[in-house]
Amino acid sequence: MPRRSRIDAPGALHHIIARGIARENIFQDDRDRDDLLERLGTILEETRASCYAWALMPNHCHILLRTGPTPMSTVMRRLLTGYAVSHNRRHCRQGHLFQNRYKSILCQEDPYLLELIRYIHLTPLRAKVVDDLESLDKYPYCGHSALLGKCKNGWQDTDYILSLFAETVSLARRRYREFFQKGITQGKRPDLVGGGLIRSVGGWSAAKTLRKAGAYQKGDERILGNGDFVENALEQAEENLECRYHLKANGFDFERVVTRVANLAGLSSSEVLASGRYRKTVEARSIVCFWAMRELGISQSHLAQKFGISQPAVSMAVTRGAELAKLHNFSLIED
């Protein structure tokens, strides 16, 4: 059975779980952990994705991300591939480090955002990586300590989460920790990480109750949310897929995108493709990268080869291109 594609869109909230192959450890020491976090911070800044929660465990990691202009799959591919190469080189290791496909769950923000943050940040305590809550409060390899102000990193979006608890930081931190402590007795919470529909409605008992009442909800393994949220997400994903097929069926490829952007920018196609830092050319290339990736599904690595630049540079170009297209109200398809 073929794997289903991931569901994503700018602003989408994802719970990511990446495990070591055969459940082997992906971190051997703190230097490994620091390496992954440094890479994560760089990639988040370049792609303008937001991270609200994270926890590094010996053989897996949890990350709660909100997608920016760059697709979540690109963010995670850069993070995991870059880290795996570095890890293998440092430990004289060969072969895959992570399972072939990380788990990604598209999440409904209300009412799951705070529940997911608490669940993810409690992972080290549940797994006995730390001894007690006081140790977790200052544990540097989990986002909980950053929310409490015990550890600092510039890439975790603590301001947004704390604002959900109170206007002042001190009161917000106190309320967050009270909320957090209440979750300790809740255990593993299969309703947050289990199967699609069962997860969405709060467990098997809730699902059976709904079925007995004749109320059926749409479910999907890739989505955490109520029936309406699941259905809307699937419809949006289908629309995006149909749009991509429609563009390709009508002859839209990389060269066609370049031609369209050249016309909008008042440049020739060769000028758009030329190297150099001329502002108008850089902006045109950025829009090409954005449309080629978002609308046609062309990979960052392919775009990097086309323009003779690095993948991080492509990622920044996609972010810049999204802003420029919106600013100038540009459309790929002519009106």
C-alpha atoms as a PDB file:
ATOM      1  CA  MET A   1       0.000   0.000   0.000  1.00  0.00           C
ATOM      2  CA  PRO A   2       1.561   3.352  -1.009  1.00  0.00           C
ATOM      3  CA  ARG A   3       2.345   5.897   1.687  1.00  0.00           C
ATOM      4  CA  ARG A   4      -0.008   8.834   1.837  1.00  0.00           C
ATOM      5  CA  SER A   5       1.460  12.298   1.419  1.00  0.00           C
ATOM      6  CA  ARG A   6       1.892  14.605   4.375  1.00  0.00           C
ATOM      7  CA  ILE A   7      -0.682  17.328   4.914  1.00  0.00           C
ATOM      8  CA  ASP A   8       0.809  20.789   5.252  1.00  0.00           C
ATOM      9  CA  ALA A   9       0.161  24.484   4.669  1.00  0.00           C
ATOM     10  CA  PRO A  10       1.638  27.768   5.927  1.00  0.00           C
ATOM     11  CA  GLY A  11       0.564  28.183   9.549  1.00  0.00           C
ATOM     12  CA  ALA A  12      -0.161  24.480  10.096  1.00  0.00           C
ATOM     13  CA  LEU A  13       0.703  22.996  13.501  1.00  0.00           C
ATOM     14  CA  HIS A  14       2.617  19.688  13.465  1.00  0.00           C
ATOM     15  CA  HIS A  15       3.663  17.248  16.176  1.00  0.00           C
ATOM     16  CA  ILE A  16       6.831  15.597  14.857  1.00  0.00           C
ATOM     17  CA  ILE A  17       8.259  12.366  16.271  1.00  0.00           C
ATOM     18  CA  ALA A  18      11.583  11.152  14.845  1.00  0.00           C
ATOM     19  CA  ARG A  19      12.874   7.776  16.070  1.00  0.00           C
ATOM     20  CA  GLY A  20      16.186   6.000  15.684  1.00  0.00           C
ATOM     21  CA  ILE A  21      16.259   3.076  13.279  1.00  0.00           C
ATOM     22  CA  ALA A  22      15.364  -0.167  15.095  1.00  0.00           C
ATOM     23  CA  ARG A  23      14.804   2.122  18.109  1.00  0.00           C
ATOM     24  CA  GLU A  24      18.550   2.636  18.480  1.00  0.00           C
ATOM     25  CA  ASN A  25      19.828   5.730  20.260  1.00  0.00           C
ATOM     26  CA  ILE A  26      20.159   8.861  18.148  1.00  0.00           C
ATOM     27  CA  PHE A  27      22.093  10.758  20.832  1.00  0.00           C
ATOM     28  CA  GLN A  28      25.276   9.433  22.391  1.00  0.00           C
ATOM     29  CA  ASP A  29      26.154  12.484  24.476  1.00  0.00           C
ATOM     30  CA  ASP A  30      25.377  16.151  25.086  1.00  0.00           C
ATOM     31  CA  ARG A  31      27.516  17.194  22.137  1.00  0.00           C
ATOM     32  CA  ASP A  32      25.106  15.310  19.870  1.00  0.00           C
ATOM     33  CA  ARG A  33      22.130  16.982  21.517  1.00  0.00           C
ATOM     34  CA  ASP A  34      23.701  20.416  21.210  1.00  0.00           C
ATOM     35  CA  ASP A  35      24.443  19.750  17.538  1.00  0.00           C
ATOM     36  CA  LEU A  36      20.809  18.956  16.736  1.00  0.00           C
ATOM     37  CA  LEU A  37      19.533  21.978  18.673  1.00  0.00           C
ATOM     38  CA  GLU A  38      21.987  24.320  16.949  1.00  0.00           C
ATOM     39  CA  ARG A  39      20.850  23.011  13.572  1.00  0.00           C
ATOM     40  CA  LEU A  40      17.201  23.347  14.566  1.00  0.00           C
ATOM     41  CA  GLY A  41      17.693  26.959  15.616  1.00  0.00           C
ATOM     42  CA  THR A  42      19.422  27.867  12.338  1.00  0.00           C
ATOM     43  CA  ILE A  43      16.777  26.165  10.205  1.00  0.00           C
ATOM     44  CA  LEU A  44      13.884  27.737  12.115  1.00  0.00           C
ATOM     45  CA  GLU A  45      15.376  31.189  11.602  1.00  0.00           C
ATOM     46  CA  GLU A  46      15.942  30.613   7.892  1.00  0.00           C
ATOM     47  CA  THR A  47      12.511  29.085   7.219  1.00  0.00           C
ATOM     48  CA  ARG A  48      10.526  31.224   9.692  1.00  0.00           C
ATOM     49  CA  ALA A  49       8.894  28.180  11.218  1.00  0.00           C
ATOM     50  CA  SER A  50       7.916  28.400  14.900  1.00  0.00           C
ATOM     51  CA  CYS A  51       8.788  25.861  17.589  1.00  0.00           C
ATOM     52  CA  TYR A  52       6.548  25.716  20.654  1.00  0.00           C
ATOM     53  CA  ALA A  53       7.670  22.506  22.358  1.00  0.00           C
ATOM     54  CA  TRP A  54      10.436  19.904  22.075  1.00  0.00           C
ATOM     55  CA  ALA A  55      12.105  17.108  24.001  1.00  0.00           C
ATOM     56  CA  LEU A  56      15.208  15.079  23.173  1.00  0.00           C
ATOM     57  CA  MET A  57      15.100  11.460  24.341  1.00  0.00           C
ATOM     58  CA  PRO A  58      17.855   8.850  23.943  1.00  0.00           C
ATOM     59  CA  ASN A  59      16.286   7.145  20.897  1.00  0.00           C
ATOM     60  CA  HIS A  60      13.767   9.699  19.630  1.00  0.00           C
ATOM     61  CA  CYS A  61      12.749  13.347  19.744  1.00  0.00           C
ATOM     62  CA  HIS A  62       9.495  15.308  19.824  1.00  0.00           C
ATOM     63  CA  ILE A  63       9.103  18.720  18.164  1.00  0.00           C
ATOM     64  CA  LEU A  64       5.940  20.844  17.932  1.00  0.00           C
ATOM     65  CA  LEU A  65       6.276  23.135  14.902  1.00  0.00           C
ATOM     66  CA  ARG A  66       4.184  25.703  13.072  1.00  0.00           C
ATOM     67  CA  THR A  67       4.974  25.794   9.356  1.00  0.00           C
ATOM     68  CA  GLY A  68       6.226  29.034   7.805  1.00  0.00           C
ATOM     69  CA  PRO A  69       6.590  29.730   4.070  1.00  0.00           C
ATOM     70  CA  THR A  70       8.863  26.676   3.701  1.00  0.00           C
ATOM     71  CA  PRO A  71       7.100  23.283   3.809  1.00  0.00           C
ATOM     72  CA  MET A  72       7.468  21.320   7.027  1.00  0.00           C
ATOM     73  CA  SER A  73       8.878  18.354   5.096  1.00  0.00           C
ATOM     74  CA  THR A  74      11.769  20.527   3.912  1.00  0.00           C
ATOM     75  CA  VAL A  75      12.449  21.778   7.435  1.00  0.00           C
ATOM     76  CA  MET A  76      12.601  18.239   8.799  1.00  0.00           C
ATOM     77  CA  ARG A  77      14.603  16.846   5.895  1.00  0.00           C
ATOM     78  CA  ARG A  78      17.272  19.483   6.407  1.00  0.00           C
ATOM     79  CA  LEU A  79      17.324  18.916  10.166  1.00  0.00           C
ATOM     80  CA  LEU A  80      17.421  15.118  10.207  1.00  0.00           C
ATOM     81  CA  THR A  81      19.688  14.627   7.193  1.00  0.00           C
ATOM     82  CA  GLY A  82      22.209  17.213   8.343  1.00  0.00           C
ATOM     83  CA  TYR A  83      22.271  15.820  11.859  1.00  0.00           C
ATOM     84  CA  ALA A  84      22.558  12.194  10.695  1.00  0.00           C
ATOM     85  CA  VAL A  85      25.547  12.981   8.469  1.00  0.00           C
ATOM     86  CA  SER A  86      27.284  14.845  11.291  1.00  0.00           C
ATOM     87  CA  HIS A  87      26.455  12.132  13.841  1.00  0.00           C
ATOM     88  CA  ASN A  88      27.729   9.303  11.653  1.00  0.00           C
ATOM     89  CA  ARG A  89      30.943  11.133  10.850  1.00  0.00           C
ATOM     90  CA  ARG A  90      31.629  11.942  14.490  1.00  0.00           C
ATOM     91  CA  HIS A  91      30.940   8.415  15.741  1.00  0.00           C
ATOM     92  CA  CYS A  92      32.556   6.603  12.780  1.00  0.00           C
ATOM     93  CA  ARG A  93      29.176   5.122  11.935  1.00  0.00           C
ATOM     94  CA  GLN A  94      27.580   4.162   8.615  1.00  0.00           C
ATOM     95  CA  GLY A  95      23.995   3.658   7.458  1.00  0.00           C
ATOM     96  CA  HIS A  96      20.647   5.180   8.394  1.00  0.00           C
ATOM     97  CA  LEU A  97      20.298   6.825  11.785  1.00  0.00           C
ATOM     98  CA  PHE A  98      16.553   7.535  11.739  1.00  0.00           C
ATOM     99  CA  GLN A  99      13.615   5.399  10.765  1.00  0.00           C
ATOM    100  CA  ASN A 100      12.843   5.883   7.090  1.00  0.00           C
ATOM    101  CA  ARG A 101       9.906   8.172   7.805  1.00  0.00           C
ATOM    102  CA  TYR A 102       9.369  10.373  10.824  1.00  0.00           C
ATOM    103  CA  LYS A 103       5.849  10.636  12.213  1.00  0.00           C
ATOM    104  CA  SER A 104       3.997  13.872  11.544  1.00  0.00           C
ATOM    105  CA  ILE A 105       0.564  14.719  12.950  1.00  0.00           C
ATOM    106  CA  LEU A 106      -1.300  17.806  11.760  1.00  0.00           C
ATOM    107  CA  CYS A 107      -2.909  19.256  14.897  1.00  0.00           C
ATOM    108  CA  GLN A 108      -5.946  21.406  15.563  1.00  0.00           C
ATOM    109  CA  GLU A 109      -4.677  24.303  17.671  1.00  0.00           C
ATOM    110  CA  ASP A 110      -7.762  24.656  19.839  1.00  0.00           C
ATOM    111  CA  PRO A 111      -8.017  22.626  22.067  1.00  0.00           C
ATOM    112  CA  TYR A 112      -4.784  20.660  21.526  1.00  0.00           C
ATOM    113  CA  LEU A 113      -1.926  23.190  21.547  1.00  0.00           C
ATOM    114  CA  LEU A 114      -1.430  23.455  25.309  1.00  0.00           C
ATOM    115  CA  GLU A 115      -2.182  19.769  25.847  1.00  0.00           C
ATOM    116  CA  LEU A 116       0.528  18.843  23.349  1.00  0.00           C
ATOM    117  CA  ILE A 117       3.052  21.220  24.896  1.00  0.00           C
ATOM    118  CA  ARG A 118       2.435  19.658  28.302  1.00  0.00           C
ATOM    119  CA  TYR A 119       2.538  16.115  26.914  1.00  0.00           C
ATOM    120  CA  ILE A 120       5.797  16.668  24.999  1.00  0.00           C
ATOM    121  CA  HIS A 121       7.522  18.463  27.855  1.00  0.00           C
ATOM    122  CA  LEU A 122       6.565  15.728  30.330  1.00  0.00           C
ATOM    123  CA  THR A 123       8.259  13.061  28.200  1.00  0.00           C
ATOM    124  CA  PRO A 124      11.634  13.137  30.036  1.00  0.00           C
ATOM    125  CA  LEU A 125       9.859  12.755  33.370  1.00  0.00           C
ATOM    126  CA  ARG A 126       7.626   9.893  32.177  1.00  0.00           C
ATOM    127  CA  ALA A 127      10.672   8.081  30.762  1.00  0.00           C
ATOM    128  CA  LYS A 128      12.682   8.732  33.953  1.00  0.00           C
ATOM    129  CA  VAL A 129      15.375  10.668  32.086  1.00  0.00           C
ATOM    130  CA  VAL A 130      15.031  13.129  34.986  1.00  0.00           C
ATOM    131  CA  ASP A 131      14.144  12.178  38.551  1.00  0.00           C
ATOM    132  CA  ASP A 132      11.477  14.736  39.423  1.00  0.00           C
ATOM    133  CA  LEU A 133       9.693  17.893  38.341  1.00  0.00           C
ATOM    134  CA  GLU A 134      12.294  20.151  39.943  1.00  0.00           C
ATOM    135  CA  SER A 135      14.999  18.494  37.821  1.00  0.00           C
ATOM    136  CA  LEU A 136      12.858  18.852  34.705  1.00  0.00           C
ATOM    137  CA  ASP A 137      12.382  22.577  35.438  1.00  0.00           C
ATOM    138  CA  LYS A 138      16.054  23.162  34.645  1.00  0.00           C
ATOM    139  CA  TYR A 139      16.720  20.275  32.234  1.00  0.00           C
ATOM    140  CA  PRO A 140      18.414  21.826  29.154  1.00  0.00           C
ATOM    141  CA  TYR A 141      17.217  19.292  26.571  1.00  0.00           C
ATOM    142  CA  CYS A 142      13.488  19.963  26.841  1.00  0.00           C
ATOM    143  CA  GLY A 143      11.543  23.138  26.036  1.00  0.00           C
ATOM    144  CA  HIS A 144       9.880  23.193  29.466  1.00  0.00           C
ATOM    145  CA  SER A 145      12.915  24.850  31.080  1.00  0.00           C
ATOM    146  CA  ALA A 146      12.874  27.642  28.486  1.00  0.00           C
ATOM    147  CA  LEU A 147       9.218  28.425  29.211  1.00  0.00           C
ATOM    148  CA  LEU A 148      10.149  28.783  32.881  1.00  0.00           C
ATOM    149  CA  GLY A 149      13.121  30.992  32.040  1.00  0.00           C
ATOM    150  CA  LYS A 150      15.624  28.526  33.529  1.00  0.00           C
ATOM    151  CA  CYS A 151      17.343  27.861  30.183  1.00  0.00           C
ATOM    152  CA  LYS A 152      17.476  30.154  27.191  1.00  0.00           C
ATOM    153  CA  ASN A 153      17.442  29.621  23.459  1.00  0.00           C
ATOM    154  CA  GLY A 154      16.580  32.261  20.929  1.00  0.00           C
ATOM    155  CA  TRP A 155      14.624  30.035  18.564  1.00  0.00           C
ATOM    156  CA  GLN A 156      11.877  28.647  20.821  1.00  0.00           C
ATOM    157  CA  ASP A 157       8.727  30.781  20.705  1.00  0.00           C
ATOM    158  CA  THR A 158       8.060  31.095  24.425  1.00  0.00           C
ATOM    159  CA  ASP A 159       6.387  34.518  24.214  1.00  0.00           C
ATOM    160  CA  TYR A 160       3.361  33.229  22.306  1.00  0.00           C
ATOM    161  CA  ILE A 161       2.788  30.293  24.647  1.00  0.00           C
ATOM    162  CA  LEU A 162       3.211  32.340  27.816  1.00  0.00           C
ATOM    163  CA  SER A 163       0.790  34.947  26.442  1.00  0.00           C
ATOM    164  CA  LEU A 164      -1.904  32.262  26.519  1.00  0.00           C
ATOM    165  CA  PHE A 165      -1.598  32.115  30.323  1.00  0.00           C
ATOM    166  CA  ALA A 166      -1.245  35.781  31.345  1.00  0.00           C
ATOM    167  CA  GLU A 167      -0.108  39.186  30.146  1.00  0.00           C
ATOM    168  CA  THR A 168       2.863  39.426  32.512  1.00  0.00           C
ATOM    169  CA  VAL A 169       5.715  36.938  32.162  1.00  0.00           C
ATOM    170  CA  SER A 170       6.019  36.152  35.875  1.00  0.00           C
ATOM    171  CA  LEU A 171       2.324  35.347  36.266  1.00  0.00           C
ATOM    172  CA  ALA A 172       2.251  33.426  32.980  1.00  0.00           C
ATOM    173  CA  ARG A 173       5.146  31.226  34.089  1.00  0.00           C
ATOM    174  CA  ARG A 174       3.493  30.507  37.409  1.00  0.00           C
ATOM    175  CA  ARG A 175       0.197  29.568  35.748  1.00  0.00           C
ATOM    176  CA  TYR A 176       1.985  27.495  33.117  1.00  0.00           C
ATOM    177  CA  ARG A 177       3.807  25.470  35.758  1.00  0.00           C
ATOM    178  CA  GLU A 178       0.566  24.896  37.667  1.00  0.00           C
ATOM    179  CA  PHE A 179      -1.067  23.672  34.463  1.00  0.00           C
ATOM    180  CA  PHE A 180       2.003  21.568  33.702  1.00  0.00           C
ATOM    181  CA  GLN A 181       2.086  19.906  37.116  1.00  0.00           C
ATOM    182  CA  LYS A 182      -1.519  18.770  36.759  1.00  0.00           C
ATOM    183  CA  GLY A 183      -0.524  16.654  33.776  1.00  0.00           C
ATOM    184  CA  ILE A 184       1.924  14.445  35.665  1.00  0.00           C
ATOM    185  CA  THR A 185      -0.765  11.974  36.738  1.00  0.00           C
ATOM    186  CA  GLN A 186      -2.284  11.699  33.241  1.00  0.00           C
ATOM    187  CA  GLY A 187       0.208   9.130  31.938  1.00  0.00           C
ATOM    188  CA  LYS A 188       0.987   8.500  28.262  1.00  0.00           C
ATOM    189  CA  ARG A 189      -2.184  10.107  26.811  1.00  0.00           C
ATOM    190  CA  PRO A 190      -2.911   7.759  23.857  1.00  0.00           C
ATOM    191  CA  ASP A 191      -5.607  10.237  22.787  1.00  0.00           C
ATOM    192  CA  LEU A 192      -2.790  12.592  21.747  1.00  0.00           C
ATOM    193  CA  VAL A 193      -0.561  10.120  19.896  1.00  0.00           C
ATOM    194  CA  GLY A 194      -2.745   7.135  18.966  1.00  0.00           C
ATOM    195  CA  GLY A 195      -4.888   6.425  15.896  1.00  0.00           C
ATOM    196  CA  GLY A 196      -6.582   9.148  13.905  1.00  0.00           C
ATOM    197  CA  LEU A 197     -10.302   9.088  14.684  1.00  0.00           C
ATOM    198  CA  ILE A 198      -9.842   7.458  18.087  1.00  0.00           C
ATOM    199  CA  ARG A 199      -7.305  10.111  18.971  1.00  0.00           C
ATOM    200  CA  SER A 200      -9.554  12.891  17.726  1.00  0.00           C
ATOM    201  CA  VAL A 201     -12.591  12.001  19.813  1.00  0.00           C
ATOM    202  CA  GLY A 202     -10.743  11.134  23.013  1.00  0.00           C
ATOM    203  CA  GLY A 203     -10.282   7.357  23.007  1.00  0.00           C
ATOM    204  CA  TRP A 204     -12.149   4.149  22.178  1.00  0.00           C
ATOM    205  CA  SER A 205     -14.904   4.664  24.738  1.00  0.00           C
ATOM    206  CA  ALA A 206     -15.731   8.092  23.316  1.00  0.00           C
ATOM    207  CA  ALA A 207     -15.689   6.717  19.769  1.00  0.00           C
ATOM    208  CA  LYS A 208     -18.062   3.873  20.696  1.00  0.00           C
ATOM    209  CA  THR A 209     -20.418   6.304  22.411  1.00  0.00           C
ATOM    210  CA  LEU A 210     -20.541   8.450  19.276  1.00  0.00           C
ATOM    211  CA  ARG A 211     -21.190   5.419  17.074  1.00  0.00           C
ATOM    212  CA  LYS A 212     -24.008   4.197  19.301  1.00  0.00           C
ATOM    213  CA  ALA A 213     -25.579   7.632  19.015  1.00  0.00           C
ATOM    214  CA  GLY A 214     -25.255   7.486  15.243  1.00  0.00           C
ATOM    215  CA  ALA A 215     -22.692  10.288  15.149  1.00  0.00           C
ATOM    216  CA  TYR A 216     -19.801   9.489  12.844  1.00  0.00           C
ATOM    217  CA  GLN A 217     -16.751  11.704  12.418  1.00  0.00           C
ATOM    218  CA  LYS A 218     -14.161  11.763   9.702  1.00  0.00           C
ATOM    219  CA  GLY A 219     -10.804  10.362  10.899  1.00  0.00           C
ATOM    220  CA  ASP A 220      -7.277  10.230   9.531  1.00  0.00           C
ATOM    221  CA  GLU A 221      -4.025   8.923  11.037  1.00  0.00           C
ATOM    222  CA  ARG A 222      -2.186  12.072   9.959  1.00  0.00           C
ATOM    223  CA  ILE A 223      -4.496  14.490  11.795  1.00  0.00           C
ATOM    224  CA  LEU A 224      -5.326  15.309  15.426  1.00  0.00           C
ATOM    225  CA  GLY A 225      -8.595  17.215  15.618  1.00  0.00           C
ATOM    226  CA  ASN A 226     -12.360  16.938  15.609  1.00  0.00           C
ATOM    227  CA  GLY A 227     -14.325  15.661  12.636  1.00  0.00           C
ATOM    228  CA  ASP A 228     -14.818  19.067  11.027  1.00  0.00           C
ATOM    229  CA  PHE A 229     -11.123  19.919  11.329  1.00  0.00           C
ATOM    230  CA  VAL A 230     -10.115  16.579   9.809  1.00  0.00           C
ATOM    231  CA  GLU A 231     -12.542  16.964   6.921  1.00  0.00           C
ATOM    232  CA  ASN A 232     -11.470  20.549   6.193  1.00  0.00           C
ATOM    233  CA  ALA A 233      -7.786  19.574   6.302  1.00  0.00           C
ATOM    234  CA  LEU A 234      -8.339  16.709   3.874  1.00  0.00           C
ATOM    235  CA  GLU A 235     -10.358  18.913   1.526  1.00  0.00           C
ATOM    236  CA  GLN A 236      -7.622  21.561   1.558  1.00  0.00           C
ATOM    237  CA  ALA A 237      -4.960  18.933   0.898  1.00  0.00           C
ATOM    238  CA  GLU A 238      -6.989  17.592  -2.013  1.00  0.00           C
ATOM    239  CA  GLU A 239      -7.443  21.104  -3.421  1.00  0.00           C
ATOM    240  CA  ASN A 240      -3.693  21.752  -3.215  1.00  0.00           C
ATOM    241  CA  LEU A 241      -2.973  18.451  -4.931  1.00  0.00           C
ATOM    242  CA  GLU A 242      -5.526  19.124  -7.668  1.00  0.00           C
ATOM    243  CA  CYS A 243      -4.088  22.615  -8.192  1.00  0.00           C
ATOM    244  CA  ARG A 244      -0.584  21.174  -8.585  1.00  0.00           C
ATOM    245  CA  TYR A 245      -1.788  18.596 -11.093  1.00  0.00           C
ATOM    246  CA  HIS A 246      -3.743  21.281 -12.943  1.00  0.00           C
ATOM    247  CA  LEU A 247      -0.673  23.493 -13.256  1.00  0.00           C
ATOM    248  CA  LYS A 248       1.488  20.655 -14.522  1.00  0.00           C
ATOM    249  CA  ALA A 249      -1.221  19.500 -16.928  1.00  0.00           C
ATOM    250  CA  ASN A 250      -1.280  23.006 -18.380  1.00  0.00           C
ATOM    251  CA  GLY A 251       2.430  23.009 -19.053  1.00  0.00           C
ATOM    252  CA  PHE A 252       3.698  24.742 -15.932  1.00  0.00           C
ATOM    253  CA  ASP A 253       7.254  23.658 -15.198  1.00  0.00           C
ATOM    254  CA  PHE A 254      10.359  25.407 -13.886  1.00  0.00           C
ATOM    255  CA  GLU A 255      11.012  27.223 -17.162  1.00  0.00           C
ATOM    256  CA  ARG A 256       7.389  28.421 -17.348  1.00  0.00           C
ATOM    257  CA  VAL A 257       7.636  29.792 -13.807  1.00  0.00           C
ATOM    258  CA  VAL A 258      10.846  31.627 -14.702  1.00  0.00           C
ATOM    259  CA  THR A 259       9.154  33.156 -17.763  1.00  0.00           C
ATOM    260  CA  ARG A 260       6.157  34.293 -15.714  1.00  0.00           C
ATOM    261  CA  VAL A 261       8.351  35.906 -13.039  1.00  0.00           C
ATOM    262  CA  ALA A 262      10.526  37.554 -15.698  1.00  0.00           C
ATOM    263  CA  ASN A 263       7.438  39.166 -17.253  1.00  0.00           C
ATOM    264  CA  LEU A 264       6.232  40.409 -13.864  1.00  0.00           C
ATOM    265  CA  ALA A 265       9.662  41.788 -12.942  1.00  0.00           C
ATOM    266  CA  GLY A 266      10.392  43.369 -16.321  1.00  0.00           C
ATOM    267  CA  LEU A 267      13.430  41.143 -16.856  1.00  0.00           C
ATOM    268  CA  SER A 268      14.467  38.515 -19.350  1.00  0.00           C
ATOM    269  CA  SER A 269      14.513  34.848 -18.340  1.00  0.00           C
ATOM    270  CA  SER A 270      18.300  34.806 -18.614  1.00  0.00           C
ATOM    271  CA  GLU A 271      18.518  37.741 -16.200  1.00  0.00           C
ATOM    272  CA  VAL A 272      16.347  35.914 -13.674  1.00  0.00           C
ATOM    273  CA  LEU A 273      18.605  32.855 -13.877  1.00  0.00           C
ATOM    274  CA  ALA A 274      21.848  34.839 -13.786  1.00  0.00           C
ATOM    275  CA  SER A 275      24.008  34.866 -10.678  1.00  0.00           C
ATOM    276  CA  GLY A 276      24.760  38.085  -8.829  1.00  0.00           C
ATOM    277  CA  ARG A 277      23.289  40.252  -6.078  1.00  0.00           C
ATOM    278  CA  TYR A 278      21.405  42.809  -8.180  1.00  0.00           C
ATOM    279  CA  ARG A 279      18.304  43.490  -6.050  1.00  0.00           C
ATOM    280  CA  LYS A 280      15.729  43.083  -8.800  1.00  0.00           C
ATOM    281  CA  THR A 281      17.277  39.782  -9.900  1.00  0.00           C
ATOM    282  CA  VAL A 282      17.505  38.439  -6.354  1.00  0.00           C
ATOM    283  CA  GLU A 283      13.838  39.267  -5.752  1.00  0.00           C
ATOM    284  CA  ALA A 284      12.805  37.597  -9.016  1.00  0.00           C
ATOM    285  CA  ARG A 285      14.782  34.446  -8.166  1.00  0.00           C
ATOM    286  CA  SER A 286      13.148  34.390  -4.742  1.00  0.00           C
ATOM    287  CA  ILE A 287       9.651  34.392  -6.242  1.00  0.00           C
ATOM    288  CA  VAL A 288      10.683  31.639  -8.658  1.00  0.00           C
ATOM    289  CA  CYS A 289      11.886  29.520  -5.715  1.00  0.00           C
ATOM    290  CA  PHE A 290       8.666  30.148  -3.797  1.00  0.00           C
ATOM    291  CA  TRP A 291       6.324  29.256  -6.653  1.00  0.00           C
ATOM    292  CA  ALA A 292       8.425  26.340  -7.883  1.00  0.00           C
ATOM    293  CA  MET A 293       8.423  24.740  -4.439  1.00  0.00           C
ATOM    294  CA  ARG A 294       4.928  25.657  -3.230  1.00  0.00           C
ATOM    295  CA  GLU A 295       2.945  25.322  -6.438  1.00  0.00           C
ATOM    296  CA  LEU A 296       4.871  22.666  -8.370  1.00  0.00           C
ATOM    297  CA  GLY A 297       6.495  20.677  -5.582  1.00  0.00           C
ATOM    298  CA  ILE A 298      10.040  21.097  -6.906  1.00  0.00           C
ATOM    299  CA  SER A 299      12.564  20.163  -4.220  1.00  0.00           C
ATOM    300  CA  GLN A 300      15.024  22.562  -2.619  1.00  0.00           C
ATOM    301  CA  SER A 301      17.946  20.416  -3.747  1.00  0.00           C
ATOM    302  CA  HIS A 302      16.778  20.669  -7.374  1.00  0.00           C
ATOM    303  CA  LEU A 303      16.382  24.443  -7.085  1.00  0.00           C
ATOM    304  CA  ALA A 304      19.826  24.707  -5.488  1.00  0.00           C
ATOM    305  CA  GLN A 305      21.296  22.953  -8.520  1.00  0.00           C
ATOM    306  CA  LYS A 306      19.358  25.162 -10.933  1.00  0.00           C
ATOM    307  CA  PHE A 307      20.610  28.390  -9.358  1.00  0.00           C
ATOM    308  CA  GLY A 308      24.016  27.155  -8.204  1.00  0.00           C
ATOM    309  CA  ILE A 309      23.355  28.025  -4.552  1.00  0.00           C
ATOM    310  CA  SER A 310      23.080  26.120  -1.277  1.00  0.00           C
ATOM    311  CA  GLN A 311      19.867  24.597   0.090  1.00  0.00           C
ATOM    312  CA  PRO A 312      19.829  27.040   3.042  1.00  0.00           C
ATOM    313  CA  ALA A 313      20.002  29.878   0.501  1.00  0.00           C
ATOM    314  CA  VAL A 314      17.035  28.374  -1.345  1.00  0.00           C
ATOM    315  CA  SER A 315      15.130  28.131   1.934  1.00  0.00           C
ATOM    316  CA  MET A 316      15.702  31.830   2.635  1.00  0.00           C
ATOM    317  CA  ALA A 317      14.735  32.654  -0.954  1.00  0.00           C
ATOM    318  CA  VAL A 318      11.427  30.795  -0.541  1.00  0.00           C
ATOM    319  CA  THR A 319      10.634  32.826   2.583  1.00  0.00           C
ATOM    320  CA  ARG A 320      11.558  36.074   0.838  1.00  0.00           C
ATOM    321  CA  GLY A 321       9.616  35.087  -2.289  1.00  0.00           C
ATOM    322  CA  ALA A 322       6.445  34.422  -0.298  1.00  0.00           C
ATOM    323  CA  GLU A 323       6.603  37.917   1.182  1.00  0.00           C
ATOM    324  CA  LEU A 324       7.304  39.552  -2.175  1.00  0.00           C
ATOM    325  CA  ALA A 325       4.505  37.724  -3.980  1.00  0.00           C
ATOM    326  CA  LYS A 326       2.078  38.808  -1.265  1.00  0.00           C
ATOM    327  CA  LEU A 327       3.398  42.398  -1.178  1.00  0.00           C
ATOM    328  CA  HIS A 328       3.027  42.891  -4.940  1.00  0.00           C
ATOM    329  CA  ASN A 329      -0.105  40.722  -5.208  1.00  0.00           C
ATOM    330  CA  PHE A 330       1.583  38.545  -7.837  1.00  0.00           C
ATOM    331  CA  SER A 331      -0.119  35.424  -9.133  1.00  0.00           C
ATOM    332  CA  LEU A 332       1.493  32.519 -10.950  1.00  0.00           C
ATOM    333  CA  ILE A 333      -1.454  32.172 -13.295  1.00  0.00           C
ATOM    334  CA  GLU A 334      -2.226  35.232 -15.422  1.00  0.00           C
ATOM    335  CA  ASP A 335      -5.571  36.866 -14.703  1.00  0.00           C
END
